[in-house]
Amino acid sequence: MRDDECYLGPDGRVDCGSLIKRINDTMEKRANNALQQHDITFFQLKMLIILSHSEDGTATLKELERGFGVAQSTAAGVAVRLEKKGLITSYADARDRRVKRVQITPAGRTLCINHREEMECNEARLVQTLSEEEQEQLKSLLLRVYDSLAEE
């Protein structure tokens, strides 16, 4: 089977869903390979980035679970691993002790800063053959597709 045949749908035409998945898998694999030397995964880095962009560097596990579209156990497991590495701290919410909050540490912020350039290079590589206008069109179309699926 040729590599490009993996993108074909039942009608023999390019299947967008398969193509998007393959692009994502390739990007994630490259990112994980680059992050391996720091003993962190791309998903863990994305969680740190989300925390670093939040108002006070914190979020509840429920917010992270919803934001990433993963199970509670997945979000909690990632948080535990990040905490063991000293990249976040976790604590019970002061208003509701049942709610677990996580906060990025200075070491976690440093890791985000150190990998910002690499992530920007990966994004640039993804769209390098597109003009700026085409890049904006692609983002707009992908957001529109995502929004239509998220509404269901």
N, C-alpha and C. Protein backbone atom coordinates (compact mmCIF):
# COMPACT_ATOMS: atom_id res chain seq x y z
N MET A 1 0.85 -1.18 0.00
CA MET A 1 0.00 0.00 0.00
C MET A 1 0.89 1.24 0.00
N ARG A 2 0.58 2.15 -0.88
CA ARG A 2 1.32 3.41 -0.92
C ARG A 2 0.88 4.28 0.25
N ASP A 3 1.79 5.15 0.71
CA ASP A 3 1.51 6.01 1.85
C ASP A 3 0.29 6.90 1.60
N ASP A 4 0.17 7.43 0.38
CA ASP A 4 -0.94 8.35 0.11
C ASP A 4 -2.29 7.63 0.05
N GLU A 5 -2.30 6.30 -0.07
CA GLU A 5 -3.56 5.56 -0.08
C GLU A 5 -4.22 5.56 1.29
N CYS A 6 -3.45 5.84 2.34
CA CYS A 6 -4.01 5.88 3.69
C CYS A 6 -4.98 7.04 3.87
N TYR A 7 -4.95 8.02 2.98
CA TYR A 7 -5.80 9.20 3.08
C TYR A 7 -7.10 9.04 2.32
N LEU A 8 -7.30 7.92 1.66
CA LEU A 8 -8.47 7.75 0.80
C LEU A 8 -9.68 7.28 1.60
N GLY A 9 -10.82 7.90 1.28
CA GLY A 9 -12.07 7.49 1.89
C GLY A 9 -12.72 6.40 1.08
N PRO A 10 -13.93 6.00 1.46
CA PRO A 10 -14.61 4.91 0.76
C PRO A 10 -14.91 5.22 -0.70
N ASP A 11 -14.96 6.51 -1.05
CA ASP A 11 -15.25 6.89 -2.44
C ASP A 11 -13.98 7.03 -3.27
N GLY A 12 -12.81 6.72 -2.67
CA GLY A 12 -11.55 6.80 -3.40
C GLY A 12 -10.93 8.18 -3.43
N ARG A 13 -11.59 9.16 -2.80
CA ARG A 13 -11.05 10.51 -2.74
C ARG A 13 -10.35 10.73 -1.40
N VAL A 14 -9.56 11.78 -1.32
CA VAL A 14 -8.84 12.10 -0.09
C VAL A 14 -9.83 12.29 1.06
N ASP A 15 -9.58 11.61 2.16
CA ASP A 15 -10.40 11.68 3.36
C ASP A 15 -9.77 12.69 4.31
N CYS A 16 -10.44 13.82 4.52
CA CYS A 16 -9.89 14.91 5.33
C CYS A 16 -9.58 14.48 6.76
N GLY A 17 -10.48 13.71 7.35
CA GLY A 17 -10.27 13.27 8.74
C GLY A 17 -8.98 12.47 8.90
N SER A 18 -8.75 11.54 7.98
CA SER A 18 -7.53 10.73 8.03
C SER A 18 -6.29 11.59 7.83
N LEU A 19 -6.38 12.52 6.92
CA LEU A 19 -5.25 13.40 6.63
C LEU A 19 -4.92 14.28 7.84
N ILE A 20 -5.95 14.86 8.46
CA ILE A 20 -5.74 15.69 9.65
C ILE A 20 -5.11 14.85 10.77
N LYS A 21 -5.60 13.64 10.96
CA LYS A 21 -5.04 12.76 11.99
C LYS A 21 -3.58 12.44 11.72
N ARG A 22 -3.26 12.15 10.47
CA ARG A 22 -1.86 11.83 10.13
C ARG A 22 -0.96 13.04 10.36
N ILE A 23 -1.44 14.22 10.02
CA ILE A 23 -0.66 15.44 10.26
C ILE A 23 -0.42 15.60 11.75
N ASN A 24 -1.48 15.46 12.55
CA ASN A 24 -1.36 15.59 14.00
C ASN A 24 -0.40 14.55 14.57
N ASP A 25 -0.53 13.31 14.14
CA ASP A 25 0.34 12.24 14.65
C ASP A 25 1.80 12.53 14.32
N THR A 26 2.06 13.01 13.11
CA THR A 26 3.43 13.33 12.70
C THR A 26 4.00 14.47 13.54
N MET A 27 3.21 15.51 13.73
CA MET A 27 3.66 16.66 14.52
C MET A 27 3.91 16.25 15.98
N GLU A 28 3.01 15.45 16.53
CA GLU A 28 3.14 15.01 17.92
C GLU A 28 4.37 14.11 18.09
N LYS A 29 4.61 13.25 17.13
CA LYS A 29 5.78 12.36 17.20
C LYS A 29 7.07 13.18 17.18
N ARG A 30 7.16 14.16 16.30
CA ARG A 30 8.34 15.01 16.24
C ARG A 30 8.54 15.77 17.55
N ALA A 31 7.45 16.30 18.09
CA ALA A 31 7.54 17.04 19.35
C ALA A 31 7.98 16.13 20.48
N ASN A 32 7.39 14.94 20.56
CA ASN A 32 7.77 14.00 21.62
C ASN A 32 9.24 13.60 21.51
N ASN A 33 9.72 13.40 20.29
CA ASN A 33 11.13 13.06 20.11
C ASN A 33 12.03 14.20 20.60
N ALA A 34 11.65 15.44 20.31
CA ALA A 34 12.45 16.58 20.73
C ALA A 34 12.39 16.77 22.25
N LEU A 35 11.27 16.44 22.86
CA LEU A 35 11.10 16.64 24.30
C LEU A 35 11.62 15.48 25.14
N GLN A 36 11.92 14.38 24.49
CA GLN A 36 12.36 13.17 25.20
C GLN A 36 13.56 13.44 26.10
N GLN A 37 14.48 14.27 25.64
CA GLN A 37 15.69 14.56 26.43
C GLN A 37 15.36 15.31 27.72
N HIS A 38 14.17 15.92 27.78
CA HIS A 38 13.75 16.64 28.98
C HIS A 38 12.77 15.82 29.82
N ASP A 39 12.56 14.57 29.44
CA ASP A 39 11.67 13.66 30.16
C ASP A 39 10.27 14.23 30.31
N ILE A 40 9.76 14.75 29.19
CA ILE A 40 8.41 15.31 29.19
C ILE A 40 7.78 15.00 27.83
N THR A 41 6.46 14.86 27.83
CA THR A 41 5.75 14.60 26.58
C THR A 41 5.13 15.90 26.06
N PHE A 42 4.72 15.86 24.81
CA PHE A 42 4.08 17.02 24.20
C PHE A 42 2.79 17.37 24.93
N PHE A 43 2.03 16.36 25.32
CA PHE A 43 0.79 16.61 26.05
C PHE A 43 1.08 17.30 27.38
N GLN A 44 2.13 16.85 28.07
CA GLN A 44 2.50 17.48 29.34
C GLN A 44 2.91 18.94 29.12
N LEU A 45 3.66 19.19 28.05
CA LEU A 45 4.07 20.55 27.74
C LEU A 45 2.85 21.42 27.42
N LYS A 46 1.89 20.86 26.68
CA LYS A 46 0.68 21.63 26.36
C LYS A 46 -0.07 22.00 27.64
N MET A 47 -0.11 21.10 28.61
CA MET A 47 -0.76 21.41 29.88
C MET A 47 -0.03 22.54 30.60
N LEU A 48 1.29 22.49 30.58
CA LEU A 48 2.07 23.57 31.19
C LEU A 48 1.82 24.90 30.49
N ILE A 49 1.73 24.87 29.18
CA ILE A 49 1.49 26.09 28.42
C ILE A 49 0.13 26.68 28.77
N ILE A 50 -0.88 25.84 28.87
CA ILE A 50 -2.21 26.30 29.27
C ILE A 50 -2.14 26.97 30.64
N LEU A 51 -1.47 26.32 31.56
CA LEU A 51 -1.33 26.90 32.91
C LEU A 51 -0.56 28.21 32.87
N SER A 52 0.50 28.27 32.07
CA SER A 52 1.32 29.48 32.03
C SER A 52 0.55 30.66 31.46
N HIS A 53 -0.46 30.39 30.63
CA HIS A 53 -1.26 31.46 30.04
C HIS A 53 -2.50 31.81 30.87
N SER A 54 -2.77 31.03 31.91
CA SER A 54 -3.92 31.36 32.75
C SER A 54 -3.56 32.55 33.64
N GLU A 55 -4.59 33.20 34.13
CA GLU A 55 -4.41 34.45 34.86
C GLU A 55 -3.41 34.36 36.01
N ASP A 56 -3.53 33.34 36.82
CA ASP A 56 -2.62 33.20 37.97
C ASP A 56 -1.79 31.92 37.91
N GLY A 57 -1.72 31.33 36.71
CA GLY A 57 -0.94 30.10 36.55
C GLY A 57 -1.60 28.87 37.12
N THR A 58 -2.91 28.96 37.38
CA THR A 58 -3.61 27.83 37.96
C THR A 58 -4.83 27.45 37.12
N ALA A 59 -5.30 26.25 37.36
CA ALA A 59 -6.54 25.75 36.77
C ALA A 59 -7.01 24.58 37.62
N THR A 60 -8.29 24.28 37.53
CA THR A 60 -8.77 23.08 38.20
C THR A 60 -8.53 21.90 37.26
N LEU A 61 -8.48 20.72 37.84
CA LEU A 61 -8.33 19.53 37.00
C LEU A 61 -9.54 19.39 36.07
N LYS A 62 -10.71 19.78 36.53
CA LYS A 62 -11.91 19.70 35.71
C LYS A 62 -11.79 20.63 34.49
N GLU A 63 -11.24 21.82 34.68
CA GLU A 63 -11.03 22.74 33.56
C GLU A 63 -10.06 22.15 32.54
N LEU A 64 -8.99 21.54 33.03
CA LEU A 64 -8.00 20.93 32.13
C LEU A 64 -8.62 19.74 31.39
N GLU A 65 -9.38 18.95 32.11
CA GLU A 65 -10.05 17.80 31.52
C GLU A 65 -10.96 18.25 30.37
N ARG A 66 -11.78 19.27 30.61
CA ARG A 66 -12.68 19.78 29.58
C ARG A 66 -11.90 20.43 28.44
N GLY A 67 -10.88 21.20 28.78
CA GLY A 67 -10.10 21.91 27.76
C GLY A 67 -9.40 20.98 26.79
N PHE A 68 -8.93 19.86 27.29
CA PHE A 68 -8.23 18.91 26.43
C PHE A 68 -9.13 17.81 25.90
N GLY A 69 -10.34 17.73 26.43
CA GLY A 69 -11.27 16.69 25.97
C GLY A 69 -10.80 15.30 26.35
N VAL A 70 -10.27 15.17 27.57
CA VAL A 70 -9.78 13.87 28.04
C VAL A 70 -10.53 13.47 29.30
N ALA A 71 -10.39 12.23 29.68
CA ALA A 71 -11.02 11.73 30.89
C ALA A 71 -10.35 12.33 32.12
N GLN A 72 -11.08 12.35 33.22
CA GLN A 72 -10.55 12.89 34.47
C GLN A 72 -9.28 12.14 34.87
N SER A 73 -9.29 10.83 34.69
CA SER A 73 -8.11 10.03 35.08
C SER A 73 -6.88 10.42 34.26
N THR A 74 -7.08 10.76 33.00
CA THR A 74 -5.97 11.18 32.15
C THR A 74 -5.40 12.51 32.63
N ALA A 75 -6.27 13.49 32.86
CA ALA A 75 -5.82 14.81 33.34
C ALA A 75 -5.12 14.67 34.69
N ALA A 76 -5.69 13.85 35.57
CA ALA A 76 -5.09 13.65 36.89
C ALA A 76 -3.74 12.95 36.78
N GLY A 77 -3.64 11.97 35.90
CA GLY A 77 -2.37 11.24 35.72
C GLY A 77 -1.26 12.14 35.20
N VAL A 78 -1.61 12.99 34.24
CA VAL A 78 -0.62 13.94 33.69
C VAL A 78 -0.19 14.90 34.79
N ALA A 79 -1.15 15.39 35.57
CA ALA A 79 -0.84 16.31 36.66
C ALA A 79 0.09 15.67 37.69
N VAL A 80 -0.17 14.42 38.02
CA VAL A 80 0.69 13.71 38.99
C VAL A 80 2.12 13.62 38.46
N ARG A 81 2.27 13.28 37.18
CA ARG A 81 3.61 13.16 36.61
C ARG A 81 4.33 14.52 36.58
N LEU A 82 3.59 15.58 36.25
CA LEU A 82 4.19 16.91 36.23
C LEU A 82 4.58 17.36 37.64
N GLU A 83 3.76 16.99 38.61
CA GLU A 83 4.07 17.36 39.99
C GLU A 83 5.32 16.62 40.48
N LYS A 84 5.46 15.35 40.13
CA LYS A 84 6.65 14.58 40.51
C LYS A 84 7.92 15.19 39.91
N LYS A 85 7.78 15.84 38.76
CA LYS A 85 8.92 16.47 38.09
C LYS A 85 9.16 17.89 38.60
N GLY A 86 8.31 18.35 39.52
CA GLY A 86 8.46 19.69 40.08
C GLY A 86 8.02 20.81 39.15
N LEU A 87 7.17 20.48 38.16
CA LEU A 87 6.75 21.48 37.19
C LEU A 87 5.41 22.12 37.54
N ILE A 88 4.64 21.46 38.40
CA ILE A 88 3.40 22.02 38.94
C ILE A 88 3.29 21.62 40.40
N THR A 89 2.41 22.32 41.10
CA THR A 89 2.00 21.91 42.45
C THR A 89 0.49 21.74 42.41
N SER A 90 -0.03 20.92 43.31
CA SER A 90 -1.48 20.73 43.37
C SER A 90 -1.95 20.96 44.79
N TYR A 91 -3.20 21.39 44.90
CA TYR A 91 -3.77 21.66 46.22
C TYR A 91 -5.29 21.69 46.10
N ALA A 92 -5.94 21.56 47.24
CA ALA A 92 -7.40 21.62 47.26
C ALA A 92 -7.84 23.08 47.20
N ASP A 93 -8.91 23.32 46.47
CA ASP A 93 -9.46 24.67 46.35
C ASP A 93 -9.93 25.15 47.72
N ALA A 94 -9.64 26.42 48.04
CA ALA A 94 -9.99 26.97 49.35
C ALA A 94 -11.50 27.02 49.56
N ARG A 95 -12.28 27.24 48.50
CA ARG A 95 -13.74 27.35 48.62
C ARG A 95 -14.44 26.00 48.62
N ASP A 96 -13.83 25.02 47.96
CA ASP A 96 -14.43 23.70 47.87
C ASP A 96 -13.32 22.67 47.89
N ARG A 97 -13.10 22.05 49.02
CA ARG A 97 -11.97 21.13 49.22
C ARG A 97 -12.02 19.91 48.28
N ARG A 98 -13.17 19.65 47.67
CA ARG A 98 -13.27 18.52 46.73
C ARG A 98 -12.65 18.84 45.38
N VAL A 99 -12.46 20.12 45.10
CA VAL A 99 -11.92 20.57 43.81
C VAL A 99 -10.39 20.65 43.91
N LYS A 100 -9.74 19.96 42.99
CA LYS A 100 -8.28 19.98 42.97
C LYS A 100 -7.79 21.02 41.97
N ARG A 101 -6.90 21.88 42.42
CA ARG A 101 -6.30 22.90 41.57
C ARG A 101 -4.84 22.56 41.36
N VAL A 102 -4.32 22.95 40.21
CA VAL A 102 -2.89 22.79 39.93
C VAL A 102 -2.33 24.15 39.54
N GLN A 103 -1.06 24.36 39.87
CA GLN A 103 -0.40 25.63 39.57
C GLN A 103 0.98 25.35 39.02
N ILE A 104 1.33 26.08 37.97
CA ILE A 104 2.64 25.92 37.36
C ILE A 104 3.71 26.50 38.29
N THR A 105 4.85 25.84 38.36
CA THR A 105 5.96 26.31 39.19
C THR A 105 6.91 27.14 38.33
N PRO A 106 7.86 27.83 38.97
CA PRO A 106 8.86 28.55 38.18
C PRO A 106 9.62 27.63 37.21
N ALA A 107 9.89 26.40 37.64
CA ALA A 107 10.57 25.45 36.75
C ALA A 107 9.70 25.11 35.54
N GLY A 108 8.40 25.00 35.76
CA GLY A 108 7.47 24.75 34.65
C GLY A 108 7.42 25.91 33.68
N ARG A 109 7.42 27.13 34.22
CA ARG A 109 7.43 28.33 33.36
C ARG A 109 8.72 28.39 32.53
N THR A 110 9.83 28.07 33.15
CA THR A 110 11.12 28.07 32.44
C THR A 110 11.10 27.07 31.30
N LEU A 111 10.56 25.89 31.56
CA LEU A 111 10.46 24.87 30.51
C LEU A 111 9.63 25.38 29.34
N CYS A 112 8.51 26.05 29.62
CA CYS A 112 7.67 26.61 28.55
C CYS A 112 8.45 27.64 27.73
N ILE A 113 9.16 28.50 28.41
CA ILE A 113 9.94 29.54 27.73
C ILE A 113 11.01 28.90 26.85
N ASN A 114 11.68 27.89 27.38
CA ASN A 114 12.76 27.24 26.64
C ASN A 114 12.26 26.51 25.40
N HIS A 115 11.02 26.08 25.40
CA HIS A 115 10.49 25.33 24.26
C HIS A 115 9.61 26.16 23.34
N ARG A 116 9.39 27.42 23.69
CA ARG A 116 8.55 28.28 22.86
C ARG A 116 9.08 28.38 21.43
N GLU A 117 10.37 28.62 21.30
CA GLU A 117 10.97 28.78 19.96
C GLU A 117 10.83 27.50 19.14
N GLU A 118 11.07 26.38 19.78
CA GLU A 118 10.96 25.09 19.09
C GLU A 118 9.52 24.85 18.61
N MET A 119 8.55 25.19 19.44
CA MET A 119 7.15 25.00 19.05
C MET A 119 6.78 25.95 17.91
N GLU A 120 7.30 27.17 17.96
CA GLU A 120 7.03 28.12 16.88
C GLU A 120 7.65 27.63 15.56
N CYS A 121 8.83 27.02 15.65
CA CYS A 121 9.47 26.46 14.45
C CYS A 121 8.64 25.31 13.89
N ASN A 122 8.10 24.46 14.76
CA ASN A 122 7.26 23.35 14.30
C ASN A 122 5.99 23.86 13.63
N GLU A 123 5.39 24.90 14.19
CA GLU A 123 4.19 25.49 13.58
C GLU A 123 4.54 26.09 12.22
N ALA A 124 5.68 26.77 12.16
CA ALA A 124 6.11 27.38 10.89
C ALA A 124 6.35 26.30 9.84
N ARG A 125 6.94 25.20 10.27
CA ARG A 125 7.20 24.09 9.34
C ARG A 125 5.90 23.51 8.80
N LEU A 126 4.88 23.46 9.65
CA LEU A 126 3.59 22.92 9.26
C LEU A 126 2.97 23.72 8.11
N VAL A 127 3.14 25.03 8.14
CA VAL A 127 2.48 25.88 7.15
C VAL A 127 3.45 26.57 6.20
N GLN A 128 4.67 26.06 6.14
CA GLN A 128 5.73 26.73 5.36
C GLN A 128 5.41 26.88 3.87
N THR A 129 4.60 26.02 3.32
CA THR A 129 4.31 26.11 1.88
C THR A 129 3.09 26.99 1.59
N LEU A 130 2.51 27.57 2.64
CA LEU A 130 1.32 28.40 2.48
C LEU A 130 1.66 29.87 2.63
N SER A 131 0.98 30.71 1.86
CA SER A 131 1.13 32.16 2.04
C SER A 131 0.47 32.54 3.37
N GLU A 132 0.71 33.77 3.83
CA GLU A 132 0.07 34.23 5.07
C GLU A 132 -1.45 34.19 4.95
N GLU A 133 -1.95 34.59 3.79
CA GLU A 133 -3.39 34.56 3.56
C GLU A 133 -3.92 33.12 3.62
N GLU A 134 -3.21 32.20 3.02
CA GLU A 134 -3.62 30.79 3.04
C GLU A 134 -3.56 30.23 4.46
N GLN A 135 -2.56 30.65 5.23
CA GLN A 135 -2.46 30.21 6.62
C GLN A 135 -3.67 30.66 7.42
N GLU A 136 -4.09 31.89 7.23
CA GLU A 136 -5.27 32.42 7.93
C GLU A 136 -6.53 31.69 7.47
N GLN A 137 -6.62 31.41 6.17
CA GLN A 137 -7.76 30.66 5.64
C GLN A 137 -7.81 29.27 6.25
N LEU A 138 -6.66 28.61 6.31
CA LEU A 138 -6.60 27.26 6.87
C LEU A 138 -7.06 27.27 8.33
N LYS A 139 -6.55 28.20 9.11
CA LYS A 139 -6.96 28.29 10.53
C LYS A 139 -8.45 28.54 10.64
N SER A 140 -8.95 29.45 9.83
CA SER A 140 -10.37 29.78 9.86
C SER A 140 -11.22 28.57 9.51
N LEU A 141 -10.83 27.85 8.47
CA LEU A 141 -11.59 26.67 8.04
C LEU A 141 -11.53 25.56 9.09
N LEU A 142 -10.36 25.34 9.66
CA LEU A 142 -10.23 24.30 10.69
C LEU A 142 -11.06 24.64 11.92
N LEU A 143 -11.05 25.90 12.32
CA LEU A 143 -11.87 26.33 13.45
C LEU A 143 -13.36 26.14 13.16
N ARG A 144 -13.75 26.47 11.95
CA ARG A 144 -15.15 26.31 11.56
C ARG A 144 -15.56 24.84 11.60
N VAL A 145 -14.71 23.98 11.10
CA VAL A 145 -14.99 22.54 11.13
C VAL A 145 -15.06 22.05 12.57
N TYR A 146 -14.09 22.47 13.37
CA TYR A 146 -14.08 22.05 14.78
C TYR A 146 -15.34 22.53 15.49
N ASP A 147 -15.69 23.81 15.31
CA ASP A 147 -16.87 24.36 15.97
C ASP A 147 -18.14 23.60 15.58
N SER A 148 -18.24 23.21 14.32
CA SER A 148 -19.44 22.49 13.89
C SER A 148 -19.50 21.10 14.54
N LEU A 149 -18.37 20.49 14.73
CA LEU A 149 -18.33 19.18 15.38
C LEU A 149 -18.56 19.30 16.89
N ALA A 150 -18.05 20.37 17.48
CA ALA A 150 -18.17 20.57 18.93
C ALA A 150 -19.61 20.89 19.34
N GLU A 151 -20.40 21.42 18.41
CA GLU A 151 -21.79 21.77 18.70
C GLU A 151 -22.67 20.54 18.91
N GLU A 152 -22.28 19.43 18.35
CA GLU A 152 -23.11 18.21 18.41
C GLU A 152 -23.18 17.63 19.80
